[in-house]
Amino acid sequence: MATEKKTMMQVTLVRSMNGRLKNHQACVRGLGLRRMHQTVEVEDTPSTRGMVNQVSYMVRVEEA
């Protein structure tokens, strides 16, 4: 098996989910974020990139 290192990114919720579209709330929850200023580390895949792009106005992304 290949032992390539997975690239990760840190995602922080910086704006509230109150009053947002339901599918945007679902994207934030799918990323593992539950409360404001919480930071999670997720794998950098096309699916997680799409979720981050959809809610880019609510999150801050840092390459890890």
C-alpha atoms as a PDB file:
ATOM      1  CA  MET A   1       0.000   0.000   0.000  1.00  0.00           C
ATOM      2  CA  ALA A   2       1.103   3.560  -0.608  1.00  0.00           C
ATOM      3  CA  THR A   3       2.206   5.441   2.468  1.00  0.00           C
ATOM      4  CA  GLU A   4       1.491   8.927   1.203  1.00  0.00           C
ATOM      5  CA  LYS A   5       0.751  11.581   3.795  1.00  0.00           C
ATOM      6  CA  LYS A   6      -2.788  12.915   3.743  1.00  0.00           C
ATOM      7  CA  THR A   7      -3.068  16.669   3.494  1.00  0.00           C
ATOM      8  CA  MET A   8      -5.172  18.219   6.197  1.00  0.00           C
ATOM      9  CA  MET A   9      -6.754  21.627   6.654  1.00  0.00           C
ATOM     10  CA  GLN A  10      -8.018  23.395   9.744  1.00  0.00           C
ATOM     11  CA  VAL A  11     -11.512  24.846   9.490  1.00  0.00           C
ATOM     12  CA  THR A  12     -12.825  27.354  12.050  1.00  0.00           C
ATOM     13  CA  LEU A  13     -16.420  28.578  12.305  1.00  0.00           C
ATOM     14  CA  VAL A  14     -16.263  32.379  12.543  1.00  0.00           C
ATOM     15  CA  ARG A  15     -19.887  33.349  11.841  1.00  0.00           C
ATOM     16  CA  SER A  16     -23.084  32.074  13.383  1.00  0.00           C
ATOM     17  CA  MET A  17     -25.299  29.467  11.735  1.00  0.00           C
ATOM     18  CA  ASN A  18     -28.463  31.237  12.935  1.00  0.00           C
ATOM     19  CA  GLY A  19     -30.748  32.212  10.079  1.00  0.00           C
ATOM     20  CA  ARG A  20     -28.663  30.487   7.394  1.00  0.00           C
ATOM     21  CA  LEU A  21     -29.946  28.190   4.680  1.00  0.00           C
ATOM     22  CA  LYS A  22     -30.578  24.625   5.809  1.00  0.00           C
ATOM     23  CA  ASN A  23     -28.111  23.155   3.315  1.00  0.00           C
ATOM     24  CA  HIS A  24     -25.409  25.585   4.518  1.00  0.00           C
ATOM     25  CA  GLN A  25     -26.072  24.528   8.109  1.00  0.00           C
ATOM     26  CA  ALA A  26     -25.808  20.912   7.010  1.00  0.00           C
ATOM     27  CA  CYS A  27     -22.433  21.599   5.367  1.00  0.00           C
ATOM     28  CA  VAL A  28     -21.090  23.163   8.552  1.00  0.00           C
ATOM     29  CA  ARG A  29     -22.329  20.225  10.605  1.00  0.00           C
ATOM     30  CA  GLY A  30     -20.885  17.814   8.049  1.00  0.00           C
ATOM     31  CA  LEU A  31     -17.486  19.419   8.534  1.00  0.00           C
ATOM     32  CA  GLY A  32     -17.786  18.637  12.255  1.00  0.00           C
ATOM     33  CA  LEU A  33     -18.351  22.170  13.496  1.00  0.00           C
ATOM     34  CA  ARG A  34     -20.869  22.670  16.277  1.00  0.00           C
ATOM     35  CA  ARG A  35     -20.175  26.052  17.887  1.00  0.00           C
ATOM     36  CA  MET A  36     -18.581  29.395  17.144  1.00  0.00           C
ATOM     37  CA  HIS A  37     -14.768  29.570  17.083  1.00  0.00           C
ATOM     38  CA  GLN A  38     -14.463  25.796  17.132  1.00  0.00           C
ATOM     39  CA  THR A  39     -11.633  24.470  14.984  1.00  0.00           C
ATOM     40  CA  VAL A  40     -11.579  21.027  13.392  1.00  0.00           C
ATOM     41  CA  GLU A  41      -8.995  19.345  11.230  1.00  0.00           C
ATOM     42  CA  VAL A  42     -10.421  17.681   8.123  1.00  0.00           C
ATOM     43  CA  GLU A  43      -8.815  15.865   5.231  1.00  0.00           C
ATOM     44  CA  ASP A  44      -8.348  17.960   2.111  1.00  0.00           C
ATOM     45  CA  THR A  45     -10.496  16.104  -0.420  1.00  0.00           C
ATOM     46  CA  PRO A  46     -12.693  17.390  -3.246  1.00  0.00           C
ATOM     47  CA  SER A  47     -15.834  16.717  -1.190  1.00  0.00           C
ATOM     48  CA  THR A  48     -14.654  18.677   1.847  1.00  0.00           C
ATOM     49  CA  ARG A  49     -13.354  21.460  -0.424  1.00  0.00           C
ATOM     50  CA  GLY A  50     -16.832  21.728  -1.942  1.00  0.00           C
ATOM     51  CA  MET A  51     -18.421  21.978   1.499  1.00  0.00           C
ATOM     52  CA  VAL A  52     -15.941  24.659   2.553  1.00  0.00           C
ATOM     53  CA  ASN A  53     -16.486  26.612  -0.687  1.00  0.00           C
ATOM     54  CA  GLN A  54     -20.235  26.601  -0.160  1.00  0.00           C
ATOM     55  CA  VAL A  55     -19.966  28.124   3.329  1.00  0.00           C
ATOM     56  CA  SER A  56     -16.783  30.145   2.757  1.00  0.00           C
ATOM     57  CA  TYR A  57     -18.439  33.269   4.208  1.00  0.00           C
ATOM     58  CA  MET A  58     -18.859  31.464   7.550  1.00  0.00           C
ATOM     59  CA  VAL A  59     -15.543  29.657   7.973  1.00  0.00           C
ATOM     60  CA  ARG A  60     -11.818  30.371   8.009  1.00  0.00           C
ATOM     61  CA  VAL A  61      -9.497  27.785   6.428  1.00  0.00           C
ATOM     62  CA  GLU A  62      -5.829  27.230   7.220  1.00  0.00           C
ATOM     63  CA  GLU A  63      -3.678  24.698   5.432  1.00  0.00           C
ATOM     64  CA  ALA A  64      -2.061  22.344   7.945  1.00  0.00           C
END
